[in-house]
Amino acid sequence: MTGPSAPRASAFAGLRPLVADPRAQAPDRPGPGGIPLDPLQRVGRRRERPRPGERCEMCDEPVGAGHGHVADLENHRLLCTCRGCYLLFTGEGAGGRRYRAVPTGSRRLPELALSASQWDRLQIPVDLAFFFRQTGVDHVVACYPGPGGSTESTLDLSAWSDIEEGNPALRGVAVDVEAVLIRRHGDGFECFITPIDACYELVGLVRRHWTGFAGGAEVWARIGDFFERLRARSADVAAG
């Protein structure tokens, strides 16, 4: 790492069910505790068979694969939730200053204005990173995946401000629940505005399948598959 200070663990904790290997998850912190939502948690929910140990972190109901996530804004943590609890926090301001549902839609910016020199100024030591803002944090958080999980990088704020100025769409990223995911390809870049939990899905994928010094063929194939799926479900938007 060439940044001005040592990298640190990722700014978000949680995402236990997204990362099946327990080594791939960030350290857990105490959750908000159960809340009495029994009459609501079954409304409009499609029952899925949960994996062993997968439960809603708000009401303790079992959850299946593909469940939603809610951001705990106070603790900077993502909570795995059942459908009912997730829906409670999808409306604007529904969770007050404490909770916010992570959206499901992704956008691709095919005409991203980003040069190799601008990327180098960010001092990201790899060709893949995601950027997001958090409640109570006065700077953009930059993280990148690796064999040890998600690592937070010290970010040159002026460098990121220049990128946002050239790509105004990046300023519309929802705080706490969306991220800008950028992948470098040679002299070009691929950019998505995506739900924050998708970024941590990628982190878990890299950690589980990385082998040796360079990662191995399997992890790069899986990264390619991840981006192929992301492209397929993303709508193209203008960067300006």
C-alpha atoms as a PDB file:
ATOM      1  CA  MET A   1       0.000   0.000   0.000  1.00  0.00           C
ATOM      2  CA  THR A   2       1.355   3.389  -0.967  1.00  0.00           C
ATOM      3  CA  GLY A   3      -1.122   5.580   0.932  1.00  0.00           C
ATOM      4  CA  PRO A   4      -0.161   7.978   3.720  1.00  0.00           C
ATOM      5  CA  SER A   5      -1.247   5.621   6.452  1.00  0.00           C
ATOM      6  CA  ALA A   6      -1.867   1.927   6.986  1.00  0.00           C
ATOM      7  CA  PRO A   7      -5.167   0.451   5.716  1.00  0.00           C
ATOM      8  CA  ARG A   8      -7.734  -0.664   8.234  1.00  0.00           C
ATOM      9  CA  ALA A   9     -10.657  -3.026   8.430  1.00  0.00           C
ATOM     10  CA  SER A  10     -13.772  -2.162   6.456  1.00  0.00           C
ATOM     11  CA  ALA A  11     -16.144   0.474   7.806  1.00  0.00           C
ATOM     12  CA  PHE A  12     -19.168  -1.836   7.763  1.00  0.00           C
ATOM     13  CA  ALA A  13     -19.717  -4.927   9.888  1.00  0.00           C
ATOM     14  CA  GLY A  14     -22.193  -7.750   9.435  1.00  0.00           C
ATOM     15  CA  LEU A  15     -23.466  -9.549   6.322  1.00  0.00           C
ATOM     16  CA  ARG A  16     -23.175 -12.964   7.941  1.00  0.00           C
ATOM     17  CA  PRO A  17     -25.486 -14.826   5.512  1.00  0.00           C
ATOM     18  CA  LEU A  18     -23.914 -13.232   2.427  1.00  0.00           C
ATOM     19  CA  VAL A  19     -20.568 -14.697   3.383  1.00  0.00           C
ATOM     20  CA  ALA A  20     -20.982 -18.368   4.116  1.00  0.00           C
ATOM     21  CA  ASP A  21     -17.389 -18.822   5.250  1.00  0.00           C
ATOM     22  CA  PRO A  22     -17.203 -17.322   8.762  1.00  0.00           C
ATOM     23  CA  ARG A  23     -13.660 -16.136   8.051  1.00  0.00           C
ATOM     24  CA  ALA A  24     -15.059 -13.853   5.369  1.00  0.00           C
ATOM     25  CA  GLN A  25     -17.213 -11.668   7.622  1.00  0.00           C
ATOM     26  CA  ALA A  26     -16.235  -8.535   9.481  1.00  0.00           C
ATOM     27  CA  PRO A  27     -16.284  -8.613  13.299  1.00  0.00           C
ATOM     28  CA  ASP A  28     -19.805  -8.600  14.612  1.00  0.00           C
ATOM     29  CA  ARG A  29     -21.152  -5.996  17.002  1.00  0.00           C
ATOM     30  CA  PRO A  30     -24.193  -5.996  19.275  1.00  0.00           C
ATOM     31  CA  GLY A  31     -27.394  -5.491  17.275  1.00  0.00           C
ATOM     32  CA  PRO A  32     -30.423  -3.378  18.142  1.00  0.00           C
ATOM     33  CA  GLY A  33     -32.289  -6.264  19.785  1.00  0.00           C
ATOM     34  CA  GLY A  34     -35.661  -7.756  18.896  1.00  0.00           C
ATOM     35  CA  ILE A  35     -38.649  -5.516  18.221  1.00  0.00           C
ATOM     36  CA  PRO A  36     -42.338  -6.590  18.290  1.00  0.00           C
ATOM     37  CA  LEU A  37     -43.260  -6.736  14.593  1.00  0.00           C
ATOM     38  CA  ASP A  38     -45.206 -10.017  14.510  1.00  0.00           C
ATOM     39  CA  PRO A  39     -48.323  -8.604  12.784  1.00  0.00           C
ATOM     40  CA  LEU A  40     -46.226  -6.971  10.055  1.00  0.00           C
ATOM     41  CA  GLN A  41     -43.440  -9.413   9.390  1.00  0.00           C
ATOM     42  CA  ARG A  42     -45.685 -11.862   7.530  1.00  0.00           C
ATOM     43  CA  VAL A  43     -47.399  -9.332   5.239  1.00  0.00           C
ATOM     44  CA  GLY A  44     -46.552  -9.958   1.595  1.00  0.00           C
ATOM     45  CA  ARG A  45     -43.549 -12.118   2.414  1.00  0.00           C
ATOM     46  CA  ARG A  46     -42.586 -15.084   0.291  1.00  0.00           C
ATOM     47  CA  ARG A  47     -41.408 -17.907   2.501  1.00  0.00           C
ATOM     48  CA  GLU A  48     -37.999 -19.315   1.639  1.00  0.00           C
ATOM     49  CA  ARG A  49     -36.284 -22.188   3.341  1.00  0.00           C
ATOM     50  CA  PRO A  50     -33.596 -20.625   5.550  1.00  0.00           C
ATOM     51  CA  ARG A  51     -30.126 -21.995   5.861  1.00  0.00           C
ATOM     52  CA  PRO A  52     -29.188 -23.195   9.348  1.00  0.00           C
ATOM     53  CA  GLY A  53     -28.499 -20.249  11.620  1.00  0.00           C
ATOM     54  CA  GLU A  54     -29.830 -17.563   9.263  1.00  0.00           C
ATOM     55  CA  ARG A  55     -32.287 -15.356  11.127  1.00  0.00           C
ATOM     56  CA  CYS A  56     -33.595 -11.820  10.898  1.00  0.00           C
ATOM     57  CA  GLU A  57     -31.456  -9.611  13.117  1.00  0.00           C
ATOM     58  CA  MET A  58     -34.454  -7.480  14.044  1.00  0.00           C
ATOM     59  CA  CYS A  59     -37.220  -9.961  14.893  1.00  0.00           C
ATOM     60  CA  ASP A  60     -35.324 -13.294  14.933  1.00  0.00           C
ATOM     61  CA  GLU A  61     -37.508 -14.887  12.243  1.00  0.00           C
ATOM     62  CA  PRO A  62     -35.752 -17.342   9.887  1.00  0.00           C
ATOM     63  CA  VAL A  63     -34.617 -15.832   6.574  1.00  0.00           C
ATOM     64  CA  GLY A  64     -33.727 -17.509   3.294  1.00  0.00           C
ATOM     65  CA  ALA A  65     -31.166 -16.857   0.588  1.00  0.00           C
ATOM     66  CA  GLY A  66     -31.645 -13.537  -1.144  1.00  0.00           C
ATOM     67  CA  HIS A  67     -33.001 -11.788   1.952  1.00  0.00           C
ATOM     68  CA  GLY A  68     -32.760  -8.015   2.310  1.00  0.00           C
ATOM     69  CA  HIS A  69     -30.527  -5.846   4.474  1.00  0.00           C
ATOM     70  CA  VAL A  70     -31.130  -2.773   6.599  1.00  0.00           C
ATOM     71  CA  ALA A  71     -28.360  -0.329   7.502  1.00  0.00           C
ATOM     72  CA  ASP A  72     -27.990   0.463  11.202  1.00  0.00           C
ATOM     73  CA  LEU A  73     -26.852   4.067  10.805  1.00  0.00           C
ATOM     74  CA  GLU A  74     -25.757   4.562  14.389  1.00  0.00           C
ATOM     75  CA  ASN A  75     -23.467   1.521  14.512  1.00  0.00           C
ATOM     76  CA  HIS A  76     -22.422   1.527  10.815  1.00  0.00           C
ATOM     77  CA  ARG A  77     -23.636  -2.026  10.459  1.00  0.00           C
ATOM     78  CA  LEU A  78     -25.732  -4.017   7.983  1.00  0.00           C
ATOM     79  CA  LEU A  79     -28.511  -6.153   9.438  1.00  0.00           C
ATOM     80  CA  CYS A  80     -29.872  -9.265   7.739  1.00  0.00           C
ATOM     81  CA  THR A  81     -33.671  -8.938   7.737  1.00  0.00           C
ATOM     82  CA  CYS A  82     -36.841 -10.796   6.865  1.00  0.00           C
ATOM     83  CA  ARG A  83     -39.140  -9.317   4.223  1.00  0.00           C
ATOM     84  CA  GLY A  84     -41.479  -7.719   6.745  1.00  0.00           C
ATOM     85  CA  CYS A  85     -38.768  -5.903   8.669  1.00  0.00           C
ATOM     86  CA  TYR A  86     -37.077  -4.823   5.446  1.00  0.00           C
ATOM     87  CA  LEU A  87     -40.274  -3.237   4.100  1.00  0.00           C
ATOM     88  CA  LEU A  88     -40.681  -1.147   7.242  1.00  0.00           C
ATOM     89  CA  PHE A  89     -37.644   0.931   6.290  1.00  0.00           C
ATOM     90  CA  THR A  90     -38.001   1.310   2.511  1.00  0.00           C
ATOM     91  CA  GLY A  91     -39.928   4.596   2.609  1.00  0.00           C
ATOM     92  CA  GLU A  92     -38.104   7.912   2.710  1.00  0.00           C
ATOM     93  CA  GLY A  93     -37.460   8.747   6.357  1.00  0.00           C
ATOM     94  CA  ALA A  94     -39.194   5.582   7.570  1.00  0.00           C
ATOM     95  CA  GLY A  95     -36.320   4.614   9.861  1.00  0.00           C
ATOM     96  CA  GLY A  96     -35.623   8.104  11.128  1.00  0.00           C
ATOM     97  CA  ARG A  97     -31.942   8.563  11.824  1.00  0.00           C
ATOM     98  CA  ARG A  98     -31.434   4.953  12.885  1.00  0.00           C
ATOM     99  CA  TYR A  99     -32.320   2.525  10.074  1.00  0.00           C
ATOM    100  CA  ARG A 100     -32.474   2.526   6.278  1.00  0.00           C
ATOM    101  CA  ALA A 101     -33.273  -0.321   3.891  1.00  0.00           C
ATOM    102  CA  VAL A 102     -30.590  -1.200   1.350  1.00  0.00           C
ATOM    103  CA  PRO A 103     -32.102  -0.809  -2.144  1.00  0.00           C
ATOM    104  CA  THR A 104     -31.967  -3.502  -4.804  1.00  0.00           C
ATOM    105  CA  GLY A 105     -31.416  -1.550  -8.039  1.00  0.00           C
ATOM    106  CA  SER A 106     -28.057  -0.937  -9.745  1.00  0.00           C
ATOM    107  CA  ARG A 107     -26.958   1.597 -12.375  1.00  0.00           C
ATOM    108  CA  ARG A 108     -24.022   1.444 -14.754  1.00  0.00           C
ATOM    109  CA  LEU A 109     -22.122   4.547 -15.907  1.00  0.00           C
ATOM    110  CA  PRO A 110     -20.749   3.506 -19.326  1.00  0.00           C
ATOM    111  CA  GLU A 111     -19.269   6.963 -20.016  1.00  0.00           C
ATOM    112  CA  LEU A 112     -17.449   7.492 -16.719  1.00  0.00           C
ATOM    113  CA  ALA A 113     -14.945  10.335 -16.965  1.00  0.00           C
ATOM    114  CA  LEU A 114     -11.930   8.934 -15.113  1.00  0.00           C
ATOM    115  CA  SER A 115      -8.281   8.992 -16.157  1.00  0.00           C
ATOM    116  CA  ALA A 116      -5.459   6.709 -15.079  1.00  0.00           C
ATOM    117  CA  SER A 117      -3.770   9.637 -13.304  1.00  0.00           C
ATOM    118  CA  GLN A 118      -6.956  10.406 -11.328  1.00  0.00           C
ATOM    119  CA  TRP A 119      -7.184   6.774 -10.256  1.00  0.00           C
ATOM    120  CA  ASP A 120      -3.525   6.783  -9.212  1.00  0.00           C
ATOM    121  CA  ARG A 121      -4.164   9.863  -7.044  1.00  0.00           C
ATOM    122  CA  LEU A 122      -6.680   7.834  -5.029  1.00  0.00           C
ATOM    123  CA  GLN A 123      -3.770   5.591  -3.996  1.00  0.00           C
ATOM    124  CA  ILE A 124      -5.851   2.401  -4.232  1.00  0.00           C
ATOM    125  CA  PRO A 125      -3.307  -0.456  -4.447  1.00  0.00           C
ATOM    126  CA  VAL A 126      -5.558  -2.730  -6.555  1.00  0.00           C
ATOM    127  CA  ASP A 127      -7.745  -2.373  -9.672  1.00  0.00           C
ATOM    128  CA  LEU A 128     -11.058  -2.834  -7.865  1.00  0.00           C
ATOM    129  CA  ALA A 129     -12.605  -0.645  -5.151  1.00  0.00           C
ATOM    130  CA  PHE A 130     -15.886   0.759  -3.865  1.00  0.00           C
ATOM    131  CA  PHE A 131     -16.635   4.184  -2.419  1.00  0.00           C
ATOM    132  CA  PHE A 132     -19.475   5.305  -0.157  1.00  0.00           C
ATOM    133  CA  ARG A 133     -20.563   7.809   2.455  1.00  0.00           C
ATOM    134  CA  GLN A 134     -21.760   7.077   5.974  1.00  0.00           C
ATOM    135  CA  THR A 135     -23.893   9.004   8.432  1.00  0.00           C
ATOM    136  CA  GLY A 136     -21.682  10.845  10.895  1.00  0.00           C
ATOM    137  CA  VAL A 137     -18.538  10.441   8.769  1.00  0.00           C
ATOM    138  CA  ASP A 138     -17.353  13.608   7.040  1.00  0.00           C
ATOM    139  CA  HIS A 139     -15.380  11.946   4.261  1.00  0.00           C
ATOM    140  CA  VAL A 140     -15.838   9.388   1.515  1.00  0.00           C
ATOM    141  CA  VAL A 141     -14.931   5.851   2.582  1.00  0.00           C
ATOM    142  CA  ALA A 142     -12.908   3.786   0.091  1.00  0.00           C
ATOM    143  CA  CYS A 143     -12.631  -0.004   0.457  1.00  0.00           C
ATOM    144  CA  TYR A 144     -11.172  -2.763  -1.661  1.00  0.00           C
ATOM    145  CA  PRO A 145     -11.490  -6.565  -1.482  1.00  0.00           C
ATOM    146  CA  GLY A 146      -8.617  -8.956  -0.944  1.00  0.00           C
ATOM    147  CA  PRO A 147      -7.697 -12.340   0.528  1.00  0.00           C
ATOM    148  CA  GLY A 148      -8.060 -10.911   4.044  1.00  0.00           C
ATOM    149  CA  GLY A 149     -11.535  -9.434   3.447  1.00  0.00           C
ATOM    150  CA  SER A 150     -12.444  -5.775   2.967  1.00  0.00           C
ATOM    151  CA  THR A 151      -9.775  -3.155   3.651  1.00  0.00           C
ATOM    152  CA  GLU A 152     -10.425   0.548   4.087  1.00  0.00           C
ATOM    153  CA  SER A 153      -7.992   2.858   2.323  1.00  0.00           C
ATOM    154  CA  THR A 154      -7.020   6.386   3.264  1.00  0.00           C
ATOM    155  CA  LEU A 155      -8.618   8.481   0.545  1.00  0.00           C
ATOM    156  CA  ASP A 156      -7.373  11.732  -0.948  1.00  0.00           C
ATOM    157  CA  LEU A 157     -10.547  13.824  -0.667  1.00  0.00           C
ATOM    158  CA  SER A 158      -9.458  16.305  -3.314  1.00  0.00           C
ATOM    159  CA  ALA A 159      -8.888  13.460  -5.774  1.00  0.00           C
ATOM    160  CA  TRP A 160     -12.386  12.064  -5.201  1.00  0.00           C
ATOM    161  CA  SER A 161     -13.935  15.548  -5.406  1.00  0.00           C
ATOM    162  CA  ASP A 162     -12.390  15.983  -8.853  1.00  0.00           C
ATOM    163  CA  ILE A 163     -13.909  12.669  -9.990  1.00  0.00           C
ATOM    164  CA  GLU A 164     -17.345  13.681  -8.686  1.00  0.00           C
ATOM    165  CA  GLU A 165     -17.065  17.040 -10.439  1.00  0.00           C
ATOM    166  CA  GLY A 166     -16.506  15.286 -13.747  1.00  0.00           C
ATOM    167  CA  ASN A 167     -19.290  12.765 -13.048  1.00  0.00           C
ATOM    168  CA  PRO A 168     -22.176  14.525 -11.251  1.00  0.00           C
ATOM    169  CA  ALA A 169     -24.215  11.298 -11.111  1.00  0.00           C
ATOM    170  CA  LEU A 170     -21.838  10.058  -8.413  1.00  0.00           C
ATOM    171  CA  ARG A 171     -23.167  12.732  -6.067  1.00  0.00           C
ATOM    172  CA  GLY A 172     -26.572  11.058  -6.139  1.00  0.00           C
ATOM    173  CA  VAL A 173     -25.384   7.895  -4.371  1.00  0.00           C
ATOM    174  CA  ALA A 174     -27.573   7.205  -1.336  1.00  0.00           C
ATOM    175  CA  VAL A 175     -25.707   7.626   1.947  1.00  0.00           C
ATOM    176  CA  ASP A 176     -25.138   4.403   3.961  1.00  0.00           C
ATOM    177  CA  VAL A 177     -26.877   2.058   1.505  1.00  0.00           C
ATOM    178  CA  GLU A 178     -25.278   2.546  -1.939  1.00  0.00           C
ATOM    179  CA  ALA A 179     -21.702   2.573  -3.191  1.00  0.00           C
ATOM    180  CA  VAL A 180     -19.741   3.452  -6.302  1.00  0.00           C
ATOM    181  CA  LEU A 181     -18.037   0.265  -7.491  1.00  0.00           C
ATOM    182  CA  ILE A 182     -15.151   0.810  -9.933  1.00  0.00           C
ATOM    183  CA  ARG A 183     -13.131  -1.836 -11.759  1.00  0.00           C
ATOM    184  CA  ARG A 184     -10.070  -0.985 -13.813  1.00  0.00           C
ATOM    185  CA  HIS A 185      -9.533  -2.714 -17.193  1.00  0.00           C
ATOM    186  CA  GLY A 186      -6.169  -1.792 -18.672  1.00  0.00           C
ATOM    187  CA  ASP A 187      -6.501   1.917 -19.506  1.00  0.00           C
ATOM    188  CA  GLY A 188     -10.289   1.959 -19.009  1.00  0.00           C
ATOM    189  CA  PHE A 189     -12.728   1.725 -16.119  1.00  0.00           C
ATOM    190  CA  GLU A 190     -16.109   0.139 -15.455  1.00  0.00           C
ATOM    191  CA  CYS A 191     -18.356   1.899 -12.932  1.00  0.00           C
ATOM    192  CA  PHE A 192     -21.580   0.974 -11.147  1.00  0.00           C
ATOM    193  CA  ILE A 193     -23.746   2.596  -8.509  1.00  0.00           C
ATOM    194  CA  THR A 194     -24.849  -0.453  -6.603  1.00  0.00           C
ATOM    195  CA  PRO A 195     -26.380  -1.511  -3.268  1.00  0.00           C
ATOM    196  CA  ILE A 196     -23.712  -1.626  -0.572  1.00  0.00           C
ATOM    197  CA  ASP A 197     -24.453  -5.282   0.208  1.00  0.00           C
ATOM    198  CA  ALA A 198     -23.480  -6.252  -3.366  1.00  0.00           C
ATOM    199  CA  CYS A 199     -20.016  -4.856  -2.682  1.00  0.00           C
ATOM    200  CA  TYR A 200     -19.693  -7.009   0.412  1.00  0.00           C
ATOM    201  CA  GLU A 201     -20.925  -9.997  -1.562  1.00  0.00           C
ATOM    202  CA  LEU A 202     -17.934  -9.395  -3.836  1.00  0.00           C
ATOM    203  CA  VAL A 203     -15.653  -9.075  -0.806  1.00  0.00           C
ATOM    204  CA  GLY A 204     -16.819 -12.460   0.484  1.00  0.00           C
ATOM    205  CA  LEU A 205     -16.375 -14.060  -2.920  1.00  0.00           C
ATOM    206  CA  VAL A 206     -12.768 -12.867  -3.148  1.00  0.00           C
ATOM    207  CA  ARG A 207     -11.893 -13.978   0.360  1.00  0.00           C
ATOM    208  CA  ARG A 208     -13.419 -17.430  -0.011  1.00  0.00           C
ATOM    209  CA  HIS A 209     -11.831 -18.277  -3.338  1.00  0.00           C
ATOM    210  CA  TRP A 210      -8.479 -16.478  -3.302  1.00  0.00           C
ATOM    211  CA  THR A 211      -5.464 -18.807  -3.409  1.00  0.00           C
ATOM    212  CA  GLY A 212      -1.733 -18.172  -3.577  1.00  0.00           C
ATOM    213  CA  PHE A 213      -0.138 -14.837  -4.352  1.00  0.00           C
ATOM    214  CA  ALA A 214      -2.161 -13.824  -7.426  1.00  0.00           C
ATOM    215  CA  GLY A 215      -5.536 -15.280  -6.440  1.00  0.00           C
ATOM    216  CA  GLY A 216      -5.748 -18.190  -8.851  1.00  0.00           C
ATOM    217  CA  ALA A 217      -7.890 -18.812 -11.921  1.00  0.00           C
ATOM    218  CA  GLU A 218     -11.055 -19.646  -9.974  1.00  0.00           C
ATOM    219  CA  VAL A 219     -11.329 -16.361  -8.100  1.00  0.00           C
ATOM    220  CA  TRP A 220     -10.841 -14.311 -11.278  1.00  0.00           C
ATOM    221  CA  ALA A 221     -13.466 -16.376 -13.082  1.00  0.00           C
ATOM    222  CA  ARG A 222     -15.894 -15.786 -10.221  1.00  0.00           C
ATOM    223  CA  ILE A 223     -15.149 -12.059 -10.220  1.00  0.00           C
ATOM    224  CA  GLY A 224     -15.879 -12.036 -13.948  1.00  0.00           C
ATOM    225  CA  ASP A 225     -19.175 -13.847 -13.358  1.00  0.00           C
ATOM    226  CA  PHE A 226     -20.086 -11.355 -10.616  1.00  0.00           C
ATOM    227  CA  PHE A 227     -19.640  -8.405 -12.961  1.00  0.00           C
ATOM    228  CA  GLU A 228     -21.485 -10.172 -15.762  1.00  0.00           C
ATOM    229  CA  ARG A 229     -24.508 -10.589 -13.478  1.00  0.00           C
ATOM    230  CA  LEU A 230     -24.192  -6.989 -12.291  1.00  0.00           C
ATOM    231  CA  ARG A 231     -24.170  -5.689 -15.875  1.00  0.00           C
ATOM    232  CA  ALA A 232     -27.241  -7.742 -16.708  1.00  0.00           C
ATOM    233  CA  ARG A 233     -29.329  -6.218 -13.909  1.00  0.00           C
ATOM    234  CA  SER A 234     -28.025  -2.637 -14.166  1.00  0.00           C
ATOM    235  CA  ALA A 235     -29.626   0.216 -16.081  1.00  0.00           C
ATOM    236  CA  ASP A 236     -27.269   2.495 -18.004  1.00  0.00           C
ATOM    237  CA  VAL A 237     -27.288   6.125 -16.835  1.00  0.00           C
ATOM    238  CA  ALA A 238     -25.372   9.231 -17.864  1.00  0.00           C
ATOM    239  CA  ALA A 239     -22.410  10.179 -15.710  1.00  0.00           C
ATOM    240  CA  GLY A 240     -23.156  13.875 -16.153  1.00  0.00           C
END
